[in-house]
């Protein structure tokens, strides 16, 4: 899935207006993507238009109690995974970058 940032740099200084970003996951309907600093942060879906709606077939997709959507590739789908990543736990950091590098390589090859 590829989205284009239609917000402003005043709203999100770490994103470039008009730039396309590969969505690496969806959490409570927000998009997780690598921002301009290479950090996997969550951003509101309303700040983007969808340029390519195709989602990876290996995403595990679930709905929360209020109907909000969660979708990630299996290696990133464990509860607390991103807390571990941001706490720089080696296993989470390694798993994240291995998964993302594979995803980005296949996105550019398509």
N, C-alpha and C. Protein backbone atom coordinates (compact mmCIF):
# COMPACT_ATOMS: atom_id res chain seq x y z
N UNK A 1 0.85 -1.17 0.00
CA UNK A 1 0.00 0.00 0.00
C UNK A 1 0.90 1.23 0.00
N UNK A 2 0.59 2.15 -0.88
CA UNK A 2 1.36 3.39 -0.97
C UNK A 2 0.39 4.55 -0.79
N UNK A 3 0.80 5.51 0.04
CA UNK A 3 -0.01 6.70 0.29
C UNK A 3 0.81 7.94 -0.01
N UNK A 4 0.11 9.03 -0.27
CA UNK A 4 0.78 10.31 -0.53
C UNK A 4 0.37 11.30 0.55
N UNK A 5 1.35 11.93 1.15
CA UNK A 5 1.10 12.88 2.23
C UNK A 5 0.48 14.16 1.66
N UNK A 6 -0.71 14.50 2.14
CA UNK A 6 -1.40 15.70 1.67
C UNK A 6 -1.53 16.73 2.79
N UNK A 7 -0.93 16.44 3.95
CA UNK A 7 -0.93 17.39 5.04
C UNK A 7 0.14 18.44 4.83
N UNK A 8 0.45 19.13 5.91
CA UNK A 8 1.47 20.17 5.83
C UNK A 8 2.65 19.83 6.74
N UNK A 9 3.78 20.43 6.45
CA UNK A 9 4.95 20.19 7.29
C UNK A 9 4.76 20.81 8.67
N UNK A 10 3.83 21.76 8.81
CA UNK A 10 3.53 22.31 10.13
C UNK A 10 2.85 21.25 11.00
N UNK A 11 2.04 20.39 10.37
CA UNK A 11 1.37 19.31 11.11
C UNK A 11 2.34 18.19 11.45
N UNK A 12 3.15 17.82 10.49
CA UNK A 12 4.08 16.71 10.64
C UNK A 12 5.40 17.10 9.99
N UNK A 13 6.30 17.67 10.78
CA UNK A 13 7.56 18.18 10.26
C UNK A 13 8.46 17.09 9.71
N UNK A 14 8.18 15.83 10.06
CA UNK A 14 9.02 14.72 9.61
C UNK A 14 8.48 14.04 8.35
N UNK A 15 7.51 14.68 7.68
CA UNK A 15 6.98 14.20 6.41
C UNK A 15 7.05 15.32 5.38
N UNK A 16 7.16 14.95 4.10
CA UNK A 16 7.26 15.92 3.02
C UNK A 16 5.94 15.99 2.27
N UNK A 17 5.32 17.18 2.19
CA UNK A 17 4.07 17.30 1.43
C UNK A 17 4.24 16.81 0.00
N UNK A 18 3.28 16.00 -0.45
CA UNK A 18 3.32 15.46 -1.81
C UNK A 18 4.13 14.20 -1.96
N UNK A 19 4.89 13.82 -0.95
CA UNK A 19 5.75 12.63 -1.00
C UNK A 19 4.92 11.36 -0.86
N UNK A 20 5.30 10.31 -1.59
CA UNK A 20 4.68 8.99 -1.46
C UNK A 20 5.43 8.19 -0.40
N UNK A 21 4.69 7.42 0.38
CA UNK A 21 5.26 6.59 1.44
C UNK A 21 4.65 5.19 1.38
N UNK A 22 5.45 4.19 1.63
CA UNK A 22 4.97 2.81 1.70
C UNK A 22 4.44 2.57 3.10
N UNK A 23 3.20 2.12 3.21
CA UNK A 23 2.62 1.79 4.51
C UNK A 23 3.15 0.43 4.94
N UNK A 24 3.69 0.38 6.15
CA UNK A 24 4.25 -0.88 6.65
C UNK A 24 3.32 -1.55 7.64
N UNK A 25 2.23 -0.87 7.99
CA UNK A 25 1.25 -1.45 8.88
C UNK A 25 0.14 -0.46 9.17
N UNK A 26 -0.94 -0.97 9.72
CA UNK A 26 -2.08 -0.14 10.10
C UNK A 26 -2.38 -0.45 11.56
N UNK A 27 -2.53 0.61 12.35
CA UNK A 27 -2.78 0.43 13.78
C UNK A 27 -3.87 1.40 14.20
N UNK A 28 -5.01 0.84 14.63
CA UNK A 28 -6.17 1.66 15.02
C UNK A 28 -6.52 2.64 13.90
N UNK A 29 -6.48 2.16 12.67
CA UNK A 29 -6.79 2.90 11.44
C UNK A 29 -5.72 3.93 11.05
N UNK A 30 -4.68 4.12 11.85
CA UNK A 30 -3.57 5.00 11.48
C UNK A 30 -2.57 4.21 10.66
N UNK A 31 -1.80 4.92 9.83
CA UNK A 31 -0.79 4.29 9.00
C UNK A 31 0.57 4.35 9.68
N UNK A 32 1.25 3.21 9.72
CA UNK A 32 2.65 3.22 10.18
C UNK A 32 3.51 3.20 8.93
N UNK A 33 4.43 4.17 8.86
CA UNK A 33 5.33 4.26 7.72
C UNK A 33 6.66 4.82 8.17
N UNK A 34 7.65 4.65 7.33
CA UNK A 34 8.96 5.24 7.62
C UNK A 34 8.90 6.70 7.23
N UNK A 35 9.10 7.59 8.20
CA UNK A 35 9.07 9.01 7.90
C UNK A 35 10.39 9.44 7.26
N UNK A 36 10.55 10.73 7.04
CA UNK A 36 11.75 11.24 6.36
C UNK A 36 13.02 11.01 7.18
N UNK A 37 12.87 10.73 8.46
CA UNK A 37 14.02 10.45 9.32
C UNK A 37 14.29 8.95 9.44
N UNK A 38 13.49 8.13 8.72
CA UNK A 38 13.66 6.69 8.76
C UNK A 38 13.09 6.03 9.99
N UNK A 39 12.17 6.71 10.67
CA UNK A 39 11.55 6.18 11.89
C UNK A 39 10.15 5.67 11.57
N UNK A 40 9.76 4.50 12.12
CA UNK A 40 8.45 3.91 11.82
C UNK A 40 7.35 4.45 12.74
N UNK A 41 6.85 5.64 12.43
CA UNK A 41 5.84 6.26 13.27
C UNK A 41 4.45 6.08 12.70
N UNK A 42 3.47 6.31 13.57
CA UNK A 42 2.06 6.27 13.17
C UNK A 42 1.59 7.67 12.80
N UNK A 43 0.77 7.74 11.75
CA UNK A 43 0.20 9.01 11.29
C UNK A 43 -1.27 8.79 10.97
N UNK A 44 -2.10 9.82 11.16
CA UNK A 44 -3.52 9.66 10.86
C UNK A 44 -3.76 9.47 9.37
N UNK A 45 -4.63 8.52 9.04
CA UNK A 45 -4.93 8.22 7.64
C UNK A 45 -5.46 9.45 6.91
N UNK A 46 -6.12 10.35 7.61
CA UNK A 46 -6.69 11.53 6.98
C UNK A 46 -5.62 12.47 6.39
N UNK A 47 -4.36 12.29 6.78
CA UNK A 47 -3.28 13.14 6.27
C UNK A 47 -2.74 12.63 4.93
N UNK A 48 -3.37 11.58 4.38
CA UNK A 48 -2.86 10.95 3.17
C UNK A 48 -3.98 10.65 2.19
N UNK A 49 -3.61 10.56 0.91
CA UNK A 49 -4.48 9.94 -0.08
C UNK A 49 -3.82 8.62 -0.47
N UNK A 50 -4.62 7.67 -0.84
CA UNK A 50 -4.09 6.35 -1.20
C UNK A 50 -3.71 6.36 -2.68
N UNK A 51 -2.43 6.16 -2.95
CA UNK A 51 -1.92 6.13 -4.32
C UNK A 51 -1.99 4.72 -4.90
N UNK A 52 -1.79 3.72 -4.06
CA UNK A 52 -1.86 2.32 -4.48
C UNK A 52 -2.47 1.53 -3.32
N UNK A 53 -3.71 1.07 -3.46
CA UNK A 53 -4.40 0.41 -2.35
C UNK A 53 -4.01 -1.03 -2.10
N UNK A 54 -3.18 -1.60 -2.96
CA UNK A 54 -2.82 -3.02 -2.80
C UNK A 54 -2.02 -3.23 -1.51
N UNK A 55 -2.55 -4.13 -0.69
CA UNK A 55 -1.87 -4.46 0.56
C UNK A 55 -1.16 -5.80 0.40
N UNK A 56 -0.06 -5.98 1.10
CA UNK A 56 0.63 -7.27 1.04
C UNK A 56 -0.30 -8.40 1.48
N UNK A 57 -0.19 -9.51 0.81
CA UNK A 57 -1.07 -10.65 1.11
C UNK A 57 -0.72 -11.32 2.43
N UNK A 58 0.45 -11.05 2.97
CA UNK A 58 0.84 -11.69 4.22
C UNK A 58 0.50 -10.88 5.46
N UNK A 59 -0.18 -9.76 5.31
CA UNK A 59 -0.59 -8.99 6.47
C UNK A 59 -1.64 -9.77 7.25
N UNK A 60 -1.53 -9.73 8.56
CA UNK A 60 -2.56 -10.26 9.44
C UNK A 60 -3.44 -9.08 9.79
N UNK A 61 -4.71 -9.17 9.43
CA UNK A 61 -5.65 -8.06 9.60
C UNK A 61 -6.71 -8.42 10.62
N UNK A 62 -6.93 -7.52 11.57
CA UNK A 62 -7.91 -7.73 12.63
C UNK A 62 -8.68 -6.44 12.87
N UNK A 63 -9.86 -6.57 13.45
CA UNK A 63 -10.64 -5.41 13.85
C UNK A 63 -10.68 -5.36 15.37
N UNK A 64 -10.54 -4.14 15.90
CA UNK A 64 -10.62 -3.94 17.34
C UNK A 64 -12.06 -3.89 17.80
N UNK A 65 -12.26 -3.70 19.09
CA UNK A 65 -13.59 -3.68 19.68
C UNK A 65 -14.49 -2.60 19.11
N UNK A 66 -13.91 -1.50 18.67
CA UNK A 66 -14.69 -0.40 18.11
C UNK A 66 -14.66 -0.38 16.58
N UNK A 67 -14.23 -1.47 15.96
CA UNK A 67 -14.19 -1.57 14.51
C UNK A 67 -12.94 -1.00 13.88
N UNK A 68 -11.98 -0.53 14.68
CA UNK A 68 -10.73 -0.01 14.13
C UNK A 68 -9.88 -1.16 13.61
N UNK A 69 -9.12 -0.87 12.59
CA UNK A 69 -8.36 -1.91 11.90
C UNK A 69 -6.91 -1.94 12.34
N UNK A 70 -6.38 -3.16 12.43
CA UNK A 70 -4.99 -3.42 12.71
C UNK A 70 -4.49 -4.39 11.65
N UNK A 71 -3.36 -4.11 11.03
CA UNK A 71 -2.82 -4.99 10.00
C UNK A 71 -1.30 -4.83 9.95
N UNK A 72 -0.62 -5.94 10.08
CA UNK A 72 0.84 -5.96 10.03
C UNK A 72 1.30 -7.29 9.44
N UNK A 73 2.50 -7.33 8.90
CA UNK A 73 3.08 -8.63 8.56
C UNK A 73 3.30 -9.40 9.87
N UNK A 74 3.23 -10.71 9.80
CA UNK A 74 3.31 -11.55 10.99
C UNK A 74 4.49 -11.21 11.92
N UNK A 75 5.71 -11.00 11.41
CA UNK A 75 6.82 -10.74 12.33
C UNK A 75 6.67 -9.46 13.15
N UNK A 76 5.84 -8.52 12.68
CA UNK A 76 5.66 -7.25 13.40
C UNK A 76 4.34 -7.19 14.15
N UNK A 77 3.60 -8.29 14.16
CA UNK A 77 2.24 -8.29 14.67
C UNK A 77 2.12 -8.68 16.15
N UNK A 78 3.20 -9.00 16.82
CA UNK A 78 3.13 -9.41 18.22
C UNK A 78 2.77 -8.23 19.11
N UNK A 79 1.93 -8.45 20.13
CA UNK A 79 1.63 -7.38 21.07
C UNK A 79 2.93 -6.83 21.68
N UNK A 80 3.04 -5.52 21.72
CA UNK A 80 4.22 -4.89 22.31
C UNK A 80 5.44 -4.83 21.40
N UNK A 81 5.29 -5.27 20.15
CA UNK A 81 6.46 -5.31 19.27
C UNK A 81 7.10 -3.93 19.13
N UNK A 82 6.30 -2.90 18.83
CA UNK A 82 6.90 -1.59 18.59
C UNK A 82 7.40 -0.94 19.88
N UNK A 83 6.84 -1.29 21.01
CA UNK A 83 7.42 -0.83 22.28
C UNK A 83 8.83 -1.40 22.42
N UNK A 84 8.97 -2.69 22.10
CA UNK A 84 10.30 -3.31 22.16
C UNK A 84 11.24 -2.66 21.15
N UNK A 85 10.74 -2.38 19.95
CA UNK A 85 11.57 -1.74 18.93
C UNK A 85 12.07 -0.38 19.43
N UNK A 86 11.17 0.44 19.94
CA UNK A 86 11.57 1.77 20.39
C UNK A 86 12.39 1.74 21.67
N UNK A 87 12.32 0.63 22.42
CA UNK A 87 13.20 0.44 23.56
C UNK A 87 14.55 -0.14 23.13
N UNK A 88 14.74 -0.25 21.82
CA UNK A 88 15.96 -0.75 21.16
C UNK A 88 16.36 -2.15 21.62
N UNK A 89 15.35 -3.00 21.83
CA UNK A 89 15.66 -4.40 22.13
C UNK A 89 16.15 -5.04 20.83
N UNK A 90 17.31 -5.64 20.89
CA UNK A 90 18.01 -6.12 19.70
C UNK A 90 17.16 -7.03 18.82
N UNK A 91 16.44 -7.97 19.42
CA UNK A 91 15.63 -8.90 18.62
C UNK A 91 14.55 -8.15 17.84
N UNK A 92 13.91 -7.18 18.46
CA UNK A 92 12.85 -6.43 17.78
C UNK A 92 13.43 -5.56 16.67
N UNK A 93 14.55 -4.91 16.92
CA UNK A 93 15.18 -4.05 15.91
C UNK A 93 15.61 -4.89 14.71
N UNK A 94 16.22 -6.03 14.96
CA UNK A 94 16.65 -6.92 13.87
C UNK A 94 15.46 -7.43 13.07
N UNK A 95 14.42 -7.88 13.77
CA UNK A 95 13.22 -8.38 13.10
C UNK A 95 12.57 -7.28 12.27
N UNK A 96 12.49 -6.09 12.81
CA UNK A 96 11.87 -4.97 12.09
C UNK A 96 12.61 -4.70 10.79
N UNK A 97 13.92 -4.48 10.87
CA UNK A 97 14.66 -4.09 9.67
C UNK A 97 14.74 -5.22 8.64
N UNK A 98 14.82 -6.46 9.09
CA UNK A 98 14.80 -7.58 8.15
C UNK A 98 13.46 -7.61 7.40
N UNK A 99 12.37 -7.46 8.12
CA UNK A 99 11.03 -7.48 7.53
C UNK A 99 10.83 -6.29 6.59
N UNK A 100 11.23 -5.12 7.02
CA UNK A 100 11.03 -3.90 6.21
C UNK A 100 11.92 -3.93 4.97
N UNK A 101 13.15 -4.34 5.10
CA UNK A 101 14.03 -4.41 3.93
C UNK A 101 13.50 -5.39 2.90
N UNK A 102 12.97 -6.52 3.33
CA UNK A 102 12.37 -7.47 2.40
C UNK A 102 11.15 -6.84 1.72
N UNK A 103 10.34 -6.14 2.49
CA UNK A 103 9.13 -5.52 1.96
C UNK A 103 9.47 -4.43 0.95
N UNK A 104 10.41 -3.58 1.29
CA UNK A 104 10.77 -2.49 0.38
C UNK A 104 11.45 -3.03 -0.89
N UNK A 105 12.25 -4.07 -0.76
CA UNK A 105 12.88 -4.67 -1.93
C UNK A 105 11.83 -5.24 -2.88
N UNK A 106 10.81 -5.89 -2.33
CA UNK A 106 9.77 -6.45 -3.19
C UNK A 106 8.88 -5.36 -3.77
N UNK A 107 8.70 -4.24 -3.05
CA UNK A 107 7.88 -3.14 -3.56
C UNK A 107 8.56 -2.46 -4.74
N UNK A 108 9.88 -2.33 -4.71
CA UNK A 108 10.58 -1.68 -5.81
C UNK A 108 10.73 -2.60 -7.00
N UNK A 109 10.68 -3.91 -6.75
CA UNK A 109 10.80 -4.88 -7.86
C UNK A 109 9.49 -5.04 -8.62
N UNK A 110 8.39 -4.68 -7.98
CA UNK A 110 7.07 -4.87 -8.60
C UNK A 110 6.77 -3.83 -9.65
